[in-house]
N, C-alpha and C. Protein backbone atom coordinates (compact mmCIF):
# COMPACT_ATOMS: atom_id res chain seq x y z
N MET A 1 -178.67 29.46 134.69
CA MET A 1 -177.85 29.74 135.87
C MET A 1 -177.69 31.26 135.99
N ILE A 2 -177.75 31.74 137.19
CA ILE A 2 -177.47 33.18 137.45
C ILE A 2 -176.17 33.26 138.25
N VAL A 3 -175.37 34.21 137.81
CA VAL A 3 -174.09 34.51 138.53
C VAL A 3 -174.18 35.90 139.05
N THR A 4 -174.12 36.07 140.39
CA THR A 4 -174.18 37.40 140.96
C THR A 4 -172.84 38.03 140.85
N ASP A 5 -172.80 39.36 140.89
CA ASP A 5 -171.54 40.07 140.71
C ASP A 5 -171.08 40.88 141.94
N HIS A 6 -170.00 41.59 141.83
CA HIS A 6 -169.49 42.32 142.95
C HIS A 6 -168.97 43.72 142.45
N THR A 7 -169.66 44.31 141.43
CA THR A 7 -169.15 45.52 140.77
C THR A 7 -169.40 46.80 141.51
N GLU A 8 -170.33 46.83 142.48
CA GLU A 8 -170.65 48.13 143.13
C GLU A 8 -169.51 48.44 144.18
N ARG A 9 -169.26 49.68 144.37
CA ARG A 9 -168.09 50.03 145.28
C ARG A 9 -168.53 50.56 146.62
N SER A 10 -169.73 51.19 146.72
CA SER A 10 -170.04 51.83 148.02
C SER A 10 -170.59 50.86 148.98
N ARG A 11 -170.46 51.15 150.30
CA ARG A 11 -171.02 50.26 151.33
C ARG A 11 -172.46 50.13 151.24
N SER A 12 -173.21 51.28 151.04
CA SER A 12 -174.64 51.19 151.01
C SER A 12 -175.11 50.35 149.80
N ALA A 13 -174.44 50.56 148.66
CA ALA A 13 -174.76 49.71 147.46
C ALA A 13 -174.45 48.29 147.75
N ARG A 14 -173.40 48.03 148.43
CA ARG A 14 -173.02 46.54 148.73
C ARG A 14 -174.11 45.94 149.61
N TYR A 15 -174.56 46.69 150.62
CA TYR A 15 -175.60 46.07 151.50
C TYR A 15 -176.89 45.92 150.75
N GLN A 16 -177.20 46.92 149.88
CA GLN A 16 -178.42 46.86 149.10
C GLN A 16 -178.35 45.64 148.19
N ARG A 17 -177.21 45.46 147.56
CA ARG A 17 -177.03 44.32 146.56
C ARG A 17 -177.06 43.04 147.38
N SER A 18 -176.55 42.98 148.59
CA SER A 18 -176.65 41.74 149.42
C SER A 18 -178.08 41.38 149.62
N GLY A 19 -178.97 42.39 149.95
CA GLY A 19 -180.37 42.17 150.11
C GLY A 19 -180.96 41.71 148.80
N ASP A 20 -180.58 42.34 147.69
CA ASP A 20 -181.07 41.98 146.41
C ASP A 20 -180.65 40.57 146.03
N ASN A 21 -179.45 40.17 146.32
CA ASN A 21 -179.02 38.84 146.08
C ASN A 21 -179.80 37.80 146.91
N ARG A 22 -180.11 38.15 148.14
CA ARG A 22 -180.96 37.24 148.92
C ARG A 22 -182.29 37.08 148.36
N LYS A 23 -182.86 38.13 147.89
CA LYS A 23 -184.16 38.12 147.27
C LYS A 23 -184.13 37.31 145.99
N ARG A 24 -183.05 37.55 145.20
CA ARG A 24 -182.89 36.77 143.99
C ARG A 24 -182.68 35.25 144.25
N ALA A 25 -181.93 34.97 145.30
CA ALA A 25 -181.73 33.61 145.68
C ALA A 25 -183.05 32.90 146.03
N ARG A 26 -183.95 33.63 146.77
CA ARG A 26 -185.25 33.05 147.09
C ARG A 26 -186.08 32.77 145.80
N ARG A 27 -186.07 33.74 144.93
CA ARG A 27 -186.83 33.55 143.68
C ARG A 27 -186.28 32.45 142.81
N THR A 28 -184.95 32.46 142.68
CA THR A 28 -184.36 31.35 141.85
C THR A 28 -184.60 30.00 142.47
N GLN A 29 -184.56 29.92 143.82
CA GLN A 29 -184.85 28.67 144.51
C GLN A 29 -186.29 28.19 144.18
N PHE A 30 -187.14 29.12 144.26
CA PHE A 30 -188.58 28.90 143.96
C PHE A 30 -188.74 28.34 142.55
N LEU A 31 -187.97 28.92 141.60
CA LEU A 31 -188.12 28.62 140.23
C LEU A 31 -187.22 27.38 139.90
N ASN A 32 -186.44 26.94 140.83
CA ASN A 32 -185.49 25.76 140.66
C ASN A 32 -184.41 26.16 139.71
N VAL A 33 -183.89 27.40 139.84
CA VAL A 33 -182.75 27.89 139.06
C VAL A 33 -181.53 27.92 139.91
N LEU A 34 -180.42 27.42 139.34
CA LEU A 34 -179.19 27.46 140.16
C LEU A 34 -178.66 28.85 140.19
N MET A 35 -177.98 29.20 141.37
CA MET A 35 -177.42 30.56 141.49
C MET A 35 -176.02 30.44 142.13
N ALA A 36 -175.07 30.91 141.40
CA ALA A 36 -173.66 30.93 141.91
C ALA A 36 -173.40 32.35 142.56
N ASP A 37 -173.02 32.36 143.75
CA ASP A 37 -172.82 33.58 144.54
C ASP A 37 -171.36 34.05 144.40
N VAL A 38 -171.03 34.84 143.39
CA VAL A 38 -169.59 35.20 143.22
C VAL A 38 -169.15 36.26 144.26
N ALA A 39 -170.13 37.02 144.79
CA ALA A 39 -169.79 38.01 145.80
C ALA A 39 -169.28 37.29 147.04
N ASP A 40 -169.80 36.11 147.32
CA ASP A 40 -169.30 35.30 148.44
C ASP A 40 -167.92 34.82 148.19
N VAL A 41 -167.51 34.35 146.96
CA VAL A 41 -166.19 34.02 146.69
C VAL A 41 -165.18 35.13 146.82
N PHE A 42 -165.68 36.27 146.51
CA PHE A 42 -164.80 37.53 146.64
C PHE A 42 -164.79 38.04 148.01
N ASN A 43 -165.44 37.44 148.95
CA ASN A 43 -165.49 37.88 150.38
C ASN A 43 -165.94 39.31 150.49
N GLU A 44 -166.92 39.65 149.66
CA GLU A 44 -167.35 41.10 149.57
C GLU A 44 -167.78 41.70 150.91
N GLU A 45 -168.38 40.95 151.76
CA GLU A 45 -168.87 41.54 153.03
C GLU A 45 -167.87 41.37 154.17
N ASN A 46 -166.66 40.85 153.94
CA ASN A 46 -165.69 40.63 154.93
C ASN A 46 -164.90 41.92 155.14
N ALA A 47 -165.29 42.68 156.18
CA ALA A 47 -164.63 44.01 156.46
C ALA A 47 -163.57 43.92 157.55
N THR A 48 -163.03 42.67 157.80
CA THR A 48 -162.02 42.44 158.79
C THR A 48 -160.68 43.25 158.36
N VAL A 49 -160.15 43.88 159.28
CA VAL A 49 -158.92 44.74 159.02
C VAL A 49 -157.75 43.81 158.86
N VAL A 50 -156.97 43.98 157.76
CA VAL A 50 -155.81 43.13 157.50
C VAL A 50 -154.61 44.00 157.40
N ARG A 51 -153.58 43.74 158.07
CA ARG A 51 -152.38 44.57 158.07
C ARG A 51 -151.49 44.08 156.91
N LEU A 52 -151.15 45.04 156.02
CA LEU A 52 -150.37 44.81 154.89
C LEU A 52 -148.90 45.03 155.13
N PHE A 53 -148.59 46.14 155.74
CA PHE A 53 -147.24 46.56 156.18
C PHE A 53 -147.29 47.06 157.53
N LYS A 54 -146.21 47.51 158.09
CA LYS A 54 -146.13 47.95 159.51
C LYS A 54 -147.10 49.09 159.73
N LYS A 55 -147.23 50.02 158.84
CA LYS A 55 -148.12 51.23 159.02
C LYS A 55 -149.24 51.22 157.98
N GLU A 56 -149.54 50.10 157.34
CA GLU A 56 -150.58 50.14 156.28
C GLU A 56 -151.52 48.91 156.46
N SER A 57 -152.81 49.18 156.49
CA SER A 57 -153.79 48.16 156.56
C SER A 57 -154.95 48.40 155.66
N THR A 58 -155.75 47.41 155.39
CA THR A 58 -156.96 47.53 154.62
C THR A 58 -157.91 46.49 155.12
N THR A 59 -159.00 46.28 154.35
CA THR A 59 -159.92 45.31 154.76
C THR A 59 -159.79 44.02 153.87
N ALA A 60 -160.25 42.86 154.39
CA ALA A 60 -160.04 41.59 153.68
C ALA A 60 -160.76 41.68 152.33
N ASN A 61 -161.91 42.33 152.25
CA ASN A 61 -162.64 42.30 150.94
C ASN A 61 -161.83 43.11 149.87
N VAL A 62 -161.05 44.14 150.31
CA VAL A 62 -160.15 44.82 149.34
C VAL A 62 -158.99 43.94 148.89
N VAL A 63 -158.45 43.16 149.78
CA VAL A 63 -157.39 42.19 149.46
C VAL A 63 -157.90 41.23 148.45
N TYR A 64 -159.09 40.71 148.57
CA TYR A 64 -159.68 39.75 147.58
C TYR A 64 -159.95 40.48 146.27
N GLU A 65 -160.45 41.69 146.33
CA GLU A 65 -160.71 42.41 145.13
C GLU A 65 -159.41 42.68 144.34
N CYS A 66 -158.34 43.00 145.07
CA CYS A 66 -157.09 43.21 144.36
C CYS A 66 -156.54 41.95 143.80
N ARG A 67 -156.77 40.81 144.53
CA ARG A 67 -156.29 39.52 144.06
C ARG A 67 -157.05 39.04 142.84
N PHE A 68 -158.38 39.25 142.84
CA PHE A 68 -159.21 38.62 141.78
C PHE A 68 -159.65 39.59 140.74
N THR A 69 -159.34 40.85 140.69
CA THR A 69 -159.64 41.77 139.65
C THR A 69 -158.42 42.65 139.37
N TRP A 70 -158.53 43.48 138.32
CA TRP A 70 -157.44 44.39 138.03
C TRP A 70 -157.55 45.77 138.71
N MET A 71 -158.41 45.87 139.71
CA MET A 71 -158.68 47.18 140.34
C MET A 71 -157.39 47.75 140.98
N CYS A 72 -156.49 46.98 141.41
CA CYS A 72 -155.32 47.54 142.09
C CYS A 72 -154.04 47.52 141.20
N ALA A 73 -154.22 47.11 139.95
CA ALA A 73 -153.11 46.96 139.02
C ALA A 73 -152.80 48.36 138.43
N ALA A 74 -151.52 48.54 138.09
CA ALA A 74 -151.08 49.78 137.54
C ALA A 74 -151.54 49.81 136.01
N LYS A 75 -151.56 51.04 135.49
CA LYS A 75 -151.88 51.15 134.04
C LYS A 75 -150.84 50.44 133.27
N PRO A 76 -151.09 49.82 132.18
CA PRO A 76 -152.33 49.94 131.38
C PRO A 76 -153.37 48.91 131.75
N PHE A 77 -153.10 48.06 132.71
CA PHE A 77 -154.01 46.95 132.99
C PHE A 77 -155.14 47.39 133.97
N GLY A 78 -154.83 48.32 134.86
CA GLY A 78 -155.82 48.73 135.83
C GLY A 78 -155.86 50.26 135.96
N PRO A 79 -156.79 50.76 136.79
CA PRO A 79 -157.77 49.94 137.52
C PRO A 79 -158.86 49.48 136.62
N ASN A 80 -159.27 48.25 136.80
CA ASN A 80 -160.27 47.61 135.88
C ASN A 80 -160.95 46.54 136.64
N ILE A 81 -162.30 46.61 136.70
CA ILE A 81 -163.12 45.65 137.49
C ILE A 81 -163.10 44.29 136.98
N HIS A 82 -162.62 43.98 135.74
CA HIS A 82 -162.71 42.67 135.20
C HIS A 82 -161.76 41.73 135.92
N PRO A 83 -162.15 40.47 135.97
CA PRO A 83 -161.43 39.45 136.74
C PRO A 83 -159.99 39.14 136.16
N THR A 84 -159.08 38.85 137.02
CA THR A 84 -157.75 38.36 136.57
C THR A 84 -157.97 36.81 136.41
N ASP A 85 -156.89 36.19 135.99
CA ASP A 85 -156.96 34.68 135.89
C ASP A 85 -157.46 34.06 137.20
N ALA A 86 -156.86 34.51 138.26
CA ALA A 86 -157.29 34.02 139.63
C ALA A 86 -158.81 34.28 139.89
N GLY A 87 -159.24 35.44 139.47
CA GLY A 87 -160.66 35.74 139.60
C GLY A 87 -161.58 34.96 138.81
N TYR A 88 -161.14 34.58 137.58
CA TYR A 88 -162.00 33.72 136.76
C TYR A 88 -161.94 32.31 137.33
N GLN A 89 -160.84 31.80 137.92
CA GLN A 89 -160.81 30.54 138.58
C GLN A 89 -161.74 30.51 139.76
N ALA A 90 -161.78 31.63 140.56
CA ALA A 90 -162.69 31.74 141.69
C ALA A 90 -164.13 31.67 141.26
N ILE A 91 -164.49 32.39 140.21
CA ILE A 91 -165.81 32.37 139.63
C ILE A 91 -166.22 31.00 139.15
N THR A 92 -165.26 30.38 138.48
CA THR A 92 -165.49 28.99 138.01
C THR A 92 -165.79 28.07 139.16
N LYS A 93 -165.05 28.11 140.25
CA LYS A 93 -165.32 27.29 141.41
C LYS A 93 -166.69 27.57 142.03
N ALA A 94 -167.11 28.79 142.03
CA ALA A 94 -168.41 29.06 142.59
C ALA A 94 -169.52 28.46 141.70
N ILE A 95 -169.26 28.51 140.36
CA ILE A 95 -170.28 27.95 139.54
C ILE A 95 -170.30 26.45 139.59
N VAL A 96 -169.15 25.84 139.60
CA VAL A 96 -169.08 24.33 139.70
C VAL A 96 -169.61 23.89 140.98
N ALA A 97 -169.51 24.66 142.06
CA ALA A 97 -170.02 24.27 143.37
C ALA A 97 -171.55 24.03 143.39
N VAL A 98 -172.25 24.84 142.54
CA VAL A 98 -173.69 24.67 142.52
C VAL A 98 -174.26 23.81 141.43
N LEU A 99 -173.38 23.33 140.53
CA LEU A 99 -173.87 22.47 139.44
C LEU A 99 -174.17 21.09 140.01
N PRO A 100 -175.13 20.38 139.38
CA PRO A 100 -175.43 19.03 139.83
C PRO A 100 -174.28 18.17 139.48
N ALA A 101 -174.06 17.13 140.34
CA ALA A 101 -172.93 16.18 140.09
C ALA A 101 -173.03 15.42 138.91
N ASN A 102 -174.24 15.17 138.32
CA ASN A 102 -174.39 14.29 137.16
C ASN A 102 -174.27 15.02 135.89
N LEU A 103 -173.69 16.24 135.78
CA LEU A 103 -173.47 16.92 134.56
C LEU A 103 -172.23 16.41 133.83
């Protein structure tokens, strides 16, 4: 099983990685290898503007990143790209979603 990640920060790297993930998906499908797309769970490409407070907004992908990783946490926990408990649960759901039902 291949699990794709969401560790790159720049927009150009994100789009490059999206293309890389699509290529990887085609190769793994050809080889009959399961692939869990964690970037999709983290809504990585969702740049919809979300209002946080009256004068503060961000994008949906940043909200998910803050929810599922330690990137927005204060020291000593963050900033850290590793998943939180909620992030690990989201990754687990992505993996379970692609597993065969007879496992």
